[in-house]
Amino acid sequence: RLLPNPRAGWGAIEQAHTKWAQSCSALESVLEPDARVATRLGTHLAVCLKQPIYSVEFATRRNGAVQGIEQIVQTYDIDTVVLETRGPLAEAATTLYGPGQSAGPMSIWHLDRGA
């Protein structure tokens, strides 16, 4: 069966895409080319940044925000954490690493993994 208006809601979809494209551009300008990046869910960023992105979502569900982020950072030798600026994961990252660097609607934590 055909939908009566297959483009209903297209404006919202286009706005969401534009927001992601702007976020990716902002991130690309501040990420090191060889950065090992973790974020809440990595799929969107992996597509737009064209590099592997590690997800903290499932580890934080199992272990809580602070422990989950730290588990992924240690397990995968992450040197950069990228999260939406507001929310419990950003609060956890700030607890672990101090204030993040703003990049559009995201915050970035560059970690000193050599220490």
PDB file of N, CA and C in Angstrom:
ATOM      1  N   ARG A   1       0.842  -1.181   0.000  1.00  0.00           N
ATOM      2  CA  ARG A   1       0.000   0.000   0.000  1.00  0.00           C
ATOM      3  C   ARG A   1       0.885   1.240   0.000  1.00  0.00           C
ATOM      4  N   LEU A   2       0.565   2.180  -0.818  1.00  0.00           N
ATOM      5  CA  LEU A   2       1.326   3.421  -0.909  1.00  0.00           C
ATOM      6  C   LEU A   2       0.892   4.398   0.169  1.00  0.00           C
ATOM      7  N   LEU A   3       1.863   5.125   0.668  1.00  0.00           N
ATOM      8  CA  LEU A   3       1.555   6.172   1.639  1.00  0.00           C
ATOM      9  C   LEU A   3       0.945   7.361   0.925  1.00  0.00           C
ATOM     10  N   PRO A   4      -0.050   8.007   1.523  1.00  0.00           N
ATOM     11  CA  PRO A   4      -0.678   9.156   0.866  1.00  0.00           C
ATOM     12  C   PRO A   4       0.285  10.331   0.700  1.00  0.00           C
ATOM     13  N   ASN A   5       1.228  10.487   1.623  1.00  0.00           N
ATOM     14  CA  ASN A   5       2.184  11.590   1.543  1.00  0.00           C
ATOM     15  C   ASN A   5       3.563  11.056   1.967  1.00  0.00           C
ATOM     16  N   PRO A   6       4.302  10.447   1.040  1.00  0.00           N
ATOM     17  CA  PRO A   6       5.566   9.813   1.416  1.00  0.00           C
ATOM     18  C   PRO A   6       6.634  10.800   1.893  1.00  0.00           C
ATOM     19  N   ARG A   7       6.467  12.058   1.634  1.00  0.00           N
ATOM     20  CA  ARG A   7       7.454  13.054   2.072  1.00  0.00           C
ATOM     21  C   ARG A   7       7.043  13.771   3.359  1.00  0.00           C
ATOM     22  N   ALA A   8       6.003  13.290   4.017  1.00  0.00           N
ATOM     23  CA  ALA A   8       5.588  13.902   5.291  1.00  0.00           C
ATOM     24  C   ALA A   8       6.743  13.779   6.285  1.00  0.00           C
ATOM     25  N   GLY A   9       7.052  14.852   6.950  1.00  0.00           N
ATOM     26  CA  GLY A   9       8.141  14.845   7.919  1.00  0.00           C
ATOM     27  C   GLY A   9       9.517  15.009   7.301  1.00  0.00           C
ATOM     28  N   TRP A  10       9.582  15.220   5.997  1.00  0.00           N
ATOM     29  CA  TRP A  10      10.865  15.342   5.320  1.00  0.00           C
ATOM     30  C   TRP A  10      11.683  16.516   5.858  1.00  0.00           C
ATOM     31  N   GLY A  11      11.033  17.594   6.215  1.00  0.00           N
ATOM     32  CA  GLY A  11      11.749  18.755   6.756  1.00  0.00           C
ATOM     33  C   GLY A  11      12.514  18.410   8.026  1.00  0.00           C
ATOM     34  N   ALA A  12      11.902  17.631   8.909  1.00  0.00           N
ATOM     35  CA  ALA A  12      12.571  17.229  10.154  1.00  0.00           C
ATOM     36  C   ALA A  12      13.767  16.325   9.857  1.00  0.00           C
ATOM     37  N   ILE A  13      13.607  15.443   8.878  1.00  0.00           N
ATOM     38  CA  ILE A  13      14.710  14.559   8.501  1.00  0.00           C
ATOM     39  C   ILE A  13      15.867  15.375   7.931  1.00  0.00           C
ATOM     40  N   GLU A  14      15.540  16.338   7.093  1.00  0.00           N
ATOM     41  CA  GLU A  14      16.565  17.191   6.502  1.00  0.00           C
ATOM     42  C   GLU A  14      17.288  18.019   7.574  1.00  0.00           C
ATOM     43  N   GLN A  15      16.548  18.515   8.563  1.00  0.00           N
ATOM     44  CA  GLN A  15      17.161  19.276   9.657  1.00  0.00           C
ATOM     45  C   GLN A  15      18.099  18.392  10.473  1.00  0.00           C
ATOM     46  N   ALA A  16      17.677  17.159  10.764  1.00  0.00           N
ATOM     47  CA  ALA A  16      18.529  16.237  11.528  1.00  0.00           C
ATOM     48  C   ALA A  16      19.816  15.943  10.759  1.00  0.00           C
ATOM     49  N   HIS A  17      19.692  15.739   9.459  1.00  0.00           N
ATOM     50  CA  HIS A  17      20.881  15.485   8.634  1.00  0.00           C
ATOM     51  C   HIS A  17      21.813  16.694   8.639  1.00  0.00           C
ATOM     52  N   THR A  18      21.260  17.875   8.498  1.00  0.00           N
ATOM     53  CA  THR A  18      22.066  19.101   8.499  1.00  0.00           C
ATOM     54  C   THR A  18      22.797  19.256   9.833  1.00  0.00           C
ATOM     55  N   LYS A  19      22.103  18.956  10.936  1.00  0.00           N
ATOM     56  CA  LYS A  19      22.729  19.045  12.259  1.00  0.00           C
ATOM     57  C   LYS A  19      23.915  18.082  12.354  1.00  0.00           C
ATOM     58  N   TRP A  20      23.734  16.844  11.890  1.00  0.00           N
ATOM     59  CA  TRP A  20      24.833  15.867  11.931  1.00  0.00           C
ATOM     60  C   TRP A  20      25.984  16.297  11.043  1.00  0.00           C
ATOM     61  N   ALA A  21      25.687  16.810   9.858  1.00  0.00           N
ATOM     62  CA  ALA A  21      26.740  17.258   8.945  1.00  0.00           C
ATOM     63  C   ALA A  21      27.546  18.400   9.568  1.00  0.00           C
ATOM     64  N   GLN A  22      26.864  19.325  10.230  1.00  0.00           N
ATOM     65  CA  GLN A  22      27.555  20.430  10.898  1.00  0.00           C
ATOM     66  C   GLN A  22      28.395  19.922  12.063  1.00  0.00           C
ATOM     67  N   SER A  23      27.861  18.976  12.822  1.00  0.00           N
ATOM     68  CA  SER A  23      28.616  18.393  13.938  1.00  0.00           C
ATOM     69  C   SER A  23      29.873  17.706  13.424  1.00  0.00           C
ATOM     70  N   CYS A  24      29.739  16.952  12.348  1.00  0.00           N
ATOM     71  CA  CYS A  24      30.897  16.256  11.780  1.00  0.00           C
ATOM     72  C   CYS A  24      31.950  17.241  11.301  1.00  0.00           C
ATOM     73  N   SER A  25      31.533  18.314  10.659  1.00  0.00           N
ATOM     74  CA  SER A  25      32.487  19.329  10.200  1.00  0.00           C
ATOM     75  C   SER A  25      33.218  19.960  11.383  1.00  0.00           C
ATOM     76  N   ALA A  26      32.466  20.267  12.436  1.00  0.00           N
ATOM     77  CA  ALA A  26      33.082  20.850  13.626  1.00  0.00           C
ATOM     78  C   ALA A  26      34.078  19.879  14.254  1.00  0.00           C
ATOM     79  N   LEU A  27      33.731  18.596  14.290  1.00  0.00           N
ATOM     80  CA  LEU A  27      34.625  17.607  14.874  1.00  0.00           C
ATOM     81  C   LEU A  27      35.865  17.379  14.021  1.00  0.00           C
ATOM     82  N   GLU A  28      35.681  17.298  12.722  1.00  0.00           N
ATOM     83  CA  GLU A  28      36.822  17.076  11.829  1.00  0.00           C
ATOM     84  C   GLU A  28      37.888  18.145  11.994  1.00  0.00           C
ATOM     85  N   SER A  29      37.455  19.365  12.285  1.00  0.00           N
ATOM     86  CA  SER A  29      38.415  20.467  12.389  1.00  0.00           C
ATOM     87  C   SER A  29      39.254  20.395  13.661  1.00  0.00           C
ATOM     88  N   VAL A  30      38.822  19.631  14.669  1.00  0.00           N
ATOM     89  CA  VAL A  30      39.574  19.585  15.931  1.00  0.00           C
ATOM     90  C   VAL A  30      40.096  18.191  16.283  1.00  0.00           C
ATOM     91  N   LEU A  31      39.751  17.177  15.510  1.00  0.00           N
ATOM     92  CA  LEU A  31      40.237  15.830  15.785  1.00  0.00           C
ATOM     93  C   LEU A  31      41.561  15.575  15.076  1.00  0.00           C
ATOM     94  N   GLU A  32      42.450  14.893  15.753  1.00  0.00           N
ATOM     95  CA  GLU A  32      43.686  14.452  15.119  1.00  0.00           C
ATOM     96  C   GLU A  32      43.333  13.364  14.103  1.00  0.00           C
ATOM     97  N   PRO A  33      44.040  13.296  12.979  1.00  0.00           N
ATOM     98  CA  PRO A  33      43.700  12.302  11.953  1.00  0.00           C
ATOM     99  C   PRO A  33      43.764  10.857  12.452  1.00  0.00           C
ATOM    100  N   ASP A  34      44.633  10.580  13.405  1.00  0.00           N
ATOM    101  CA  ASP A  34      44.780   9.213  13.915  1.00  0.00           C
ATOM    102  C   ASP A  34      44.119   9.021  15.285  1.00  0.00           C
ATOM    103  N   ALA A  35      43.194   9.906  15.642  1.00  0.00           N
ATOM    104  CA  ALA A  35      42.528   9.830  16.954  1.00  0.00           C
ATOM    105  C   ALA A  35      41.758   8.525  17.093  1.00  0.00           C
ATOM    106  N   ARG A  36      41.819   7.953  18.281  1.00  0.00           N
ATOM    107  CA  ARG A  36      41.003   6.787  18.640  1.00  0.00           C
ATOM    108  C   ARG A  36      39.841   7.341  19.453  1.00  0.00           C
ATOM    109  N   VAL A  37      38.668   7.380  18.835  1.00  0.00           N
ATOM    110  CA  VAL A  37      37.524   8.139  19.343  1.00  0.00           C
ATOM    111  C   VAL A  37      36.473   7.222  19.937  1.00  0.00           C
ATOM    112  N   ALA A  38      35.935   7.630  21.085  1.00  0.00           N
ATOM    113  CA  ALA A  38      34.774   6.975  21.692  1.00  0.00           C
ATOM    114  C   ALA A  38      33.655   7.992  21.802  1.00  0.00           C
ATOM    115  N   THR A  39      32.428   7.530  21.613  1.00  0.00           N
ATOM    116  CA  THR A  39      31.239   8.362  21.743  1.00  0.00           C
ATOM    117  C   THR A  39      30.108   7.486  22.263  1.00  0.00           C
ATOM    118  N   ARG A  40      28.938   8.083  22.473  1.00  0.00           N
ATOM    119  CA  ARG A  40      27.814   7.293  23.010  1.00  0.00           C
ATOM    120  C   ARG A  40      27.530   6.100  22.106  1.00  0.00           C
ATOM    121  N   LEU A  41      27.125   6.341  20.892  1.00  0.00           N
ATOM    122  CA  LEU A  41      26.962   5.295  19.868  1.00  0.00           C
ATOM    123  C   LEU A  41      27.762   5.728  18.657  1.00  0.00           C
ATOM    124  N   GLY A  42      28.628   4.888  18.166  1.00  0.00           N
ATOM    125  CA  GLY A  42      29.575   5.314  17.154  1.00  0.00           C
ATOM    126  C   GLY A  42      29.117   5.298  15.721  1.00  0.00           C
ATOM    127  N   THR A  43      27.948   4.755  15.431  1.00  0.00           N
ATOM    128  CA  THR A  43      27.588   4.531  14.034  1.00  0.00           C
ATOM    129  C   THR A  43      27.508   5.806  13.208  1.00  0.00           C
ATOM    130  N   HIS A  44      26.836   6.828  13.690  1.00  0.00           N
ATOM    131  CA  HIS A  44      26.701   8.060  12.909  1.00  0.00           C
ATOM    132  C   HIS A  44      28.058   8.720  12.671  1.00  0.00           C
ATOM    133  N   LEU A  45      28.850   8.825  13.724  1.00  0.00           N
ATOM    134  CA  LEU A  45      30.152   9.471  13.566  1.00  0.00           C
ATOM    135  C   LEU A  45      31.090   8.637  12.709  1.00  0.00           C
ATOM    136  N   ALA A  46      31.012   7.325  12.789  1.00  0.00           N
ATOM    137  CA  ALA A  46      31.864   6.472  11.963  1.00  0.00           C
ATOM    138  C   ALA A  46      31.593   6.708  10.485  1.00  0.00           C
ATOM    139  N   VAL A  47      30.332   6.896  10.146  1.00  0.00           N
ATOM    140  CA  VAL A  47      29.978   7.142   8.750  1.00  0.00           C
ATOM    141  C   VAL A  47      30.494   8.499   8.297  1.00  0.00           C
ATOM    142  N   CYS A  48      30.238   9.541   9.063  1.00  0.00           N
ATOM    143  CA  CYS A  48      30.618  10.875   8.590  1.00  0.00           C
ATOM    144  C   CYS A  48      32.108  11.158   8.745  1.00  0.00           C
ATOM    145  N   LEU A  49      32.779  10.555   9.722  1.00  0.00           N
ATOM    146  CA  LEU A  49      34.212  10.785   9.891  1.00  0.00           C
ATOM    147  C   LEU A  49      35.062   9.755   9.155  1.00  0.00           C
ATOM    148  N   LYS A  50      34.428   8.683   8.668  1.00  0.00           N
ATOM    149  CA  LYS A  50      35.110   7.648   7.890  1.00  0.00           C
ATOM    150  C   LYS A  50      36.281   7.028   8.650  1.00  0.00           C
ATOM    151  N   GLN A  51      36.037   6.694   9.904  1.00  0.00           N
ATOM    152  CA  GLN A  51      37.039   6.028  10.733  1.00  0.00           C
ATOM    153  C   GLN A  51      36.321   5.243  11.816  1.00  0.00           C
ATOM    154  N   PRO A  52      37.002   4.271  12.414  1.00  0.00           N
ATOM    155  CA  PRO A  52      36.359   3.524  13.498  1.00  0.00           C
ATOM    156  C   PRO A  52      36.058   4.436  14.691  1.00  0.00           C
ATOM    157  N   ILE A  53      34.884   4.252  15.260  1.00  0.00           N
ATOM    158  CA  ILE A  53      34.471   4.989  16.453  1.00  0.00           C
ATOM    159  C   ILE A  53      33.970   3.947  17.451  1.00  0.00           C
ATOM    160  N   TYR A  54      34.392   4.043  18.689  1.00  0.00           N
ATOM    161  CA  TYR A  54      34.017   3.081  19.714  1.00  0.00           C
ATOM    162  C   TYR A  54      32.837   3.625  20.515  1.00  0.00           C
ATOM    163  N   SER A  55      31.891   2.762  20.830  1.00  0.00           N
ATOM    164  CA  SER A  55      30.672   3.152  21.547  1.00  0.00           C
ATOM    165  C   SER A  55      30.809   2.859  23.035  1.00  0.00           C
ATOM    166  N   VAL A  56      30.382   3.822  23.860  1.00  0.00           N
ATOM    167  CA  VAL A  56      30.382   3.618  25.308  1.00  0.00           C
ATOM    168  C   VAL A  56      29.002   3.213  25.828  1.00  0.00           C
ATOM    169  N   GLU A  57      27.992   3.272  24.988  1.00  0.00           N
ATOM    170  CA  GLU A  57      26.602   3.075  25.411  1.00  0.00           C
ATOM    171  C   GLU A  57      26.387   1.796  26.223  1.00  0.00           C
ATOM    172  N   PHE A  58      26.838   0.683  25.707  1.00  0.00           N
ATOM    173  CA  PHE A  58      26.525  -0.589  26.357  1.00  0.00           C
ATOM    174  C   PHE A  58      27.329  -0.787  27.639  1.00  0.00           C
ATOM    175  N   ALA A  59      28.571  -0.332  27.649  1.00  0.00           N
ATOM    176  CA  ALA A  59      29.378  -0.407  28.865  1.00  0.00           C
ATOM    177  C   ALA A  59      28.798   0.478  29.960  1.00  0.00           C
ATOM    178  N   THR A  60      28.258   1.648  29.580  1.00  0.00           N
ATOM    179  CA  THR A  60      27.680   2.524  30.599  1.00  0.00           C
ATOM    180  C   THR A  60      26.361   1.965  31.128  1.00  0.00           C
ATOM    181  N   ARG A  61      25.624   1.243  30.294  1.00  0.00           N
ATOM    182  CA  ARG A  61      24.400   0.594  30.784  1.00  0.00           C
ATOM    183  C   ARG A  61      24.737  -0.494  31.801  1.00  0.00           C
ATOM    184  N   ARG A  62      25.816  -1.226  31.539  1.00  0.00           N
ATOM    185  CA  ARG A  62      26.203  -2.316  32.444  1.00  0.00           C
ATOM    186  C   ARG A  62      26.837  -1.807  33.733  1.00  0.00           C
ATOM    187  N   ASN A  63      27.686  -0.775  33.629  1.00  0.00           N
ATOM    188  CA  ASN A  63      28.559  -0.400  34.738  1.00  0.00           C
ATOM    189  C   ASN A  63      28.359   1.002  35.283  1.00  0.00           C
ATOM    190  N   GLY A  64      27.415   1.762  34.739  1.00  0.00           N
ATOM    191  CA  GLY A  64      27.258   3.157  35.125  1.00  0.00           C
ATOM    192  C   GLY A  64      28.114   4.029  34.223  1.00  0.00           C
ATOM    193  N   ALA A  65      27.798   5.307  34.197  1.00  0.00           N
ATOM    194  CA  ALA A  65      28.423   6.218  33.235  1.00  0.00           C
ATOM    195  C   ALA A  65      29.937   6.333  33.425  1.00  0.00           C
ATOM    196  N   VAL A  66      30.394   6.631  34.634  1.00  0.00           N
ATOM    197  CA  VAL A  66      31.823   6.852  34.859  1.00  0.00           C
ATOM    198  C   VAL A  66      32.615   5.575  34.584  1.00  0.00           C
ATOM    199  N   GLN A  67      32.202   4.465  35.177  1.00  0.00           N
ATOM    200  CA  GLN A  67      32.935   3.213  35.006  1.00  0.00           C
ATOM    201  C   GLN A  67      32.854   2.703  33.568  1.00  0.00           C
ATOM    202  N   GLY A  68      31.709   2.886  32.921  1.00  0.00           N
ATOM    203  CA  GLY A  68      31.560   2.433  31.544  1.00  0.00           C
ATOM    204  C   GLY A  68      32.465   3.180  30.580  1.00  0.00           C
ATOM    205  N   ILE A  69      32.510   4.507  30.720  1.00  0.00           N
ATOM    206  CA  ILE A  69      33.397   5.294  29.859  1.00  0.00           C
ATOM    207  C   ILE A  69      34.842   4.884  30.094  1.00  0.00           C
ATOM    208  N   GLU A  70      35.243   4.793  31.346  1.00  0.00           N
ATOM    209  CA  GLU A  70      36.630   4.449  31.659  1.00  0.00           C
ATOM    210  C   GLU A  70      36.985   3.046  31.159  1.00  0.00           C
ATOM    211  N   GLN A  71      36.044   2.111  31.207  1.00  0.00           N
ATOM    212  CA  GLN A  71      36.295   0.758  30.698  1.00  0.00           C
ATOM    213  C   GLN A  71      36.614   0.783  29.201  1.00  0.00           C
ATOM    214  N   ILE A  72      35.823   1.510  28.420  1.00  0.00           N
ATOM    215  CA  ILE A  72      36.046   1.589  26.976  1.00  0.00           C
ATOM    216  C   ILE A  72      37.346   2.322  26.674  1.00  0.00           C
ATOM    217  N   VAL A  73      37.619   3.404  27.394  1.00  0.00           N
ATOM    218  CA  VAL A  73      38.859   4.164  27.192  1.00  0.00           C
ATOM    219  C   VAL A  73      40.072   3.268  27.428  1.00  0.00           C
ATOM    220  N   GLN A  74      40.049   2.491  28.496  1.00  0.00           N
ATOM    221  CA  GLN A  74      41.193   1.626  28.816  1.00  0.00           C
ATOM    222  C   GLN A  74      41.276   0.431  27.870  1.00  0.00           C
ATOM    223  N   THR A  75      40.154  -0.205  27.592  1.00  0.00           N
ATOM    224  CA  THR A  75      40.152  -1.416  26.771  1.00  0.00           C
ATOM    225  C   THR A  75      40.635  -1.147  25.356  1.00  0.00           C
ATOM    226  N   TYR A  76      40.218  -0.026  24.778  1.00  0.00           N
ATOM    227  CA  TYR A  76      40.517   0.256  23.377  1.00  0.00           C
ATOM    228  C   TYR A  76      41.550   1.363  23.183  1.00  0.00           C
ATOM    229  N   ASP A  77      42.240   1.740  24.256  1.00  0.00           N
ATOM    230  CA  ASP A  77      43.287   2.761  24.198  1.00  0.00           C
ATOM    231  C   ASP A  77      42.778   4.034  23.527  1.00  0.00           C
ATOM    232  N   ILE A  78      41.618   4.479  23.977  1.00  0.00           N
ATOM    233  CA  ILE A  78      40.969   5.680  23.443  1.00  0.00           C
ATOM    234  C   ILE A  78      41.745   6.913  23.877  1.00  0.00           C
ATOM    235  N   ASP A  79      41.932   7.849  22.946  1.00  0.00           N
ATOM    236  CA  ASP A  79      42.580   9.110  23.308  1.00  0.00           C
ATOM    237  C   ASP A  79      41.671  10.319  23.137  1.00  0.00           C
ATOM    238  N   THR A  80      40.436  10.089  22.631  1.00  0.00           N
ATOM    239  CA  THR A  80      39.506  11.190  22.412  1.00  0.00           C
ATOM    240  C   THR A  80      38.089  10.712  22.713  1.00  0.00           C
ATOM    241  N   VAL A  81      37.380  11.448  23.553  1.00  0.00           N
ATOM    242  CA  VAL A  81      35.988  11.145  23.863  1.00  0.00           C
ATOM    243  C   VAL A  81      35.142  12.292  23.322  1.00  0.00           C
ATOM    244  N   VAL A  82      34.086  11.950  22.567  1.00  0.00           N
ATOM    245  CA  VAL A  82      33.193  12.938  21.975  1.00  0.00           C
ATOM    246  C   VAL A  82      31.773  12.613  22.423  1.00  0.00           C
ATOM    247  N   LEU A  83      31.123  13.563  23.091  1.00  0.00           N
ATOM    248  CA  LEU A  83      29.769  13.354  23.586  1.00  0.00           C
ATOM    249  C   LEU A  83      28.948  14.626  23.409  1.00  0.00           C
ATOM    250  N   GLU A  84      27.625  14.460  23.381  1.00  0.00           N
ATOM    251  CA  GLU A  84      26.763  15.638  23.388  1.00  0.00           C
ATOM    252  C   GLU A  84      27.090  16.439  24.638  1.00  0.00           C
ATOM    253  N   THR A  85      27.076  17.756  24.505  1.00  0.00           N
ATOM    254  CA  THR A  85      27.529  18.642  25.575  1.00  0.00           C
ATOM    255  C   THR A  85      26.724  18.494  26.856  1.00  0.00           C
ATOM    256  N   ARG A  86      25.438  18.190  26.738  1.00  0.00           N
ATOM    257  CA  ARG A  86      24.593  18.057  27.926  1.00  0.00           C
ATOM    258  C   ARG A  86      24.203  16.602  28.122  1.00  0.00           C
ATOM    259  N   GLY A  87      24.046  16.218  29.384  1.00  0.00           N
ATOM    260  CA  GLY A  87      23.561  14.884  29.683  1.00  0.00           C
ATOM    261  C   GLY A  87      24.478  14.140  30.646  1.00  0.00           C
ATOM    262  N   PRO A  88      24.020  12.998  31.102  1.00  0.00           N
ATOM    263  CA  PRO A  88      24.767  12.251  32.121  1.00  0.00           C
ATOM    264  C   PRO A  88      26.118  11.735  31.633  1.00  0.00           C
ATOM    265  N   LEU A  89      26.252  11.402  30.354  1.00  0.00           N
ATOM    266  CA  LEU A  89      27.552  10.933  29.881  1.00  0.00           C
ATOM    267  C   LEU A  89      28.570  12.067  29.842  1.00  0.00           C
ATOM    268  N   ALA A  90      28.144  13.249  29.436  1.00  0.00           N
ATOM    269  CA  ALA A  90      29.039  14.410  29.453  1.00  0.00           C
ATOM    270  C   ALA A  90      29.436  14.756  30.886  1.00  0.00           C
ATOM    271  N   GLU A  91      28.492  14.636  31.811  1.00  0.00           N
ATOM    272  CA  GLU A  91      28.803  14.873  33.220  1.00  0.00           C
ATOM    273  C   GLU A  91      29.837  13.870  33.720  1.00  0.00           C
ATOM    274  N   ALA A  92      29.678  12.606  33.317  1.00  0.00           N
ATOM    275  CA  ALA A  92      30.632  11.575  33.723  1.00  0.00           C
ATOM    276  C   ALA A  92      32.014  11.847  33.133  1.00  0.00           C
ATOM    277  N   ALA A  93      32.061  12.228  31.859  1.00  0.00           N
ATOM    278  CA  ALA A  93      33.343  12.530  31.231  1.00  0.00           C
ATOM    279  C   ALA A  93      34.010  13.726  31.902  1.00  0.00           C
ATOM    280  N   THR A  94      33.224  14.719  32.284  1.00  0.00           N
ATOM    281  CA  THR A  94      33.770  15.879  32.988  1.00  0.00           C
ATOM    282  C   THR A  94      34.309  15.470  34.351  1.00  0.00           C
ATOM    283  N   THR A  95      33.628  14.563  35.035  1.00  0.00           N
ATOM    284  CA  THR A  95      34.125  14.042  36.310  1.00  0.00           C
ATOM    285  C   THR A  95      35.465  13.347  36.113  1.00  0.00           C
ATOM    286  N   LEU A  96      35.582  12.574  35.040  1.00  0.00           N
ATOM    287  CA  LEU A  96      36.809  11.821  34.782  1.00  0.00           C
ATOM    288  C   LEU A  96      37.949  12.688  34.269  1.00  0.00           C
ATOM    289  N   TYR A  97      37.659  13.606  33.350  1.00  0.00           N
ATOM    290  CA  TYR A  97      38.717  14.266  32.579  1.00  0.00           C
ATOM    291  C   TYR A  97      38.709  15.787  32.647  1.00  0.00           C
ATOM    292  N   GLY A  98      37.770  16.365  33.397  1.00  0.00           N
ATOM    293  CA  GLY A  98      37.672  17.818  33.451  1.00  0.00           C
ATOM    294  C   GLY A  98      36.806  18.333  32.317  1.00  0.00           C
ATOM    295  N   PRO A  99      36.701  19.649  32.162  1.00  0.00           N
ATOM    296  CA  PRO A  99      35.829  20.213  31.135  1.00  0.00           C
ATOM    297  C   PRO A  99      36.274  19.819  29.733  1.00  0.00           C
ATOM    298  N   GLY A 100      35.301  19.592  28.861  1.00  0.00           N
ATOM    299  CA  GLY A 100      35.597  19.262  27.472  1.00  0.00           C
ATOM    300  C   GLY A 100      35.710  20.512  26.623  1.00  0.00           C
ATOM    301  N   GLN A 101      36.238  20.337  25.425  1.00  0.00           N
ATOM    302  CA  GLN A 101      36.351  21.408  24.435  1.00  0.00           C
ATOM    303  C   GLN A 101      35.073  21.397  23.593  1.00  0.00           C
ATOM    304  N   SER A 102      34.460  22.544  23.427  1.00  0.00           N
ATOM    305  CA  SER A 102      33.221  22.643  22.672  1.00  0.00           C
ATOM    306  C   SER A 102      33.484  22.526  21.172  1.00  0.00           C
ATOM    307  N   ALA A 103      32.622  21.740  20.499  1.00  0.00           N
ATOM    308  CA  ALA A 103      32.666  21.618  19.033  1.00  0.00           C
ATOM    309  C   ALA A 103      31.227  21.474  18.565  1.00  0.00           C
ATOM    310  N   GLY A 104      30.575  22.598  18.286  1.00  0.00           N
ATOM    311  CA  GLY A 104      29.162  22.560  17.928  1.00  0.00           C
ATOM    312  C   GLY A 104      28.357  22.065  19.119  1.00  0.00           C
ATOM    313  N   PRO A 105      27.424  21.142  18.901  1.00  0.00           N
ATOM    314  CA  PRO A 105      26.624  20.622  20.016  1.00  0.00           C
ATOM    315  C   PRO A 105      27.335  19.521  20.799  1.00  0.00           C
ATOM    316  N   MET A 106      28.588  19.262  20.448  1.00  0.00           N
ATOM    317  CA  MET A 106      29.354  18.199  21.082  1.00  0.00           C
ATOM    318  C   MET A 106      30.457  18.794  21.950  1.00  0.00           C
ATOM    319  N   SER A 107      30.960  17.979  22.867  1.00  0.00           N
ATOM    320  CA  SER A 107      32.155  18.320  23.627  1.00  0.00           C
ATOM    321  C   SER A 107      33.191  17.229  23.385  1.00  0.00           C
ATOM    322  N   ILE A 108      34.459  17.633  23.393  1.00  0.00           N
ATOM    323  CA  ILE A 108      35.559  16.711  23.121  1.00  0.00           C
ATOM    324  C   ILE A 108      36.510  16.736  24.302  1.00  0.00           C
ATOM    325  N   TRP A 109      36.898  15.562  24.713  1.00  0.00           N
ATOM    326  CA  TRP A 109      37.930  15.400  25.734  1.00  0.00           C
ATOM    327  C   TRP A 109      39.120  14.729  25.073  1.00  0.00           C
ATOM    328  N   HIS A 110      40.260  15.461  24.996  1.00  0.00           N
ATOM    329  CA  HIS A 110      41.498  14.899  24.468  1.00  0.00           C
ATOM    330  C   HIS A 110      42.253  14.335  25.669  1.00  0.00           C
ATOM    331  N   LEU A 111      42.481  13.037  25.671  1.00  0.00           N
ATOM    332  CA  LEU A 111      43.084  12.374  26.817  1.00  0.00           C
ATOM    333  C   LEU A 111      44.579  12.189  26.611  1.00  0.00           C
ATOM    334  N   ASP A 112      45.315  12.375  27.686  1.00  0.00           N
ATOM    335  CA  ASP A 112      46.760  12.136  27.649  1.00  0.00           C
ATOM    336  C   ASP A 112      46.988  10.669  27.994  1.00  0.00           C
ATOM    337  N   ARG A 113      47.063   9.820  26.982  1.00  0.00           N
ATOM    338  CA  ARG A 113      47.190   8.376  27.210  1.00  0.00           C
ATOM    339  C   ARG A 113      48.636   7.965  27.439  1.00  0.00           C
ATOM    340  N   GLY A 114      49.573   8.903  27.277  1.00  0.00           N
ATOM    341  CA  GLY A 114      50.983   8.556  27.473  1.00  0.00           C
ATOM    342  C   GLY A 114      51.402   8.563  28.933  1.00  0.00           C
ATOM    343  N   ALA A 115      50.539   9.066  29.776  1.00  0.00           N
ATOM    344  CA  ALA A 115      50.904   9.197  31.206  1.00  0.00           C
ATOM    345  C   ALA A 115      50.668   7.907  31.944  1.00  0.00           C
TER     346      ALA A 115
END
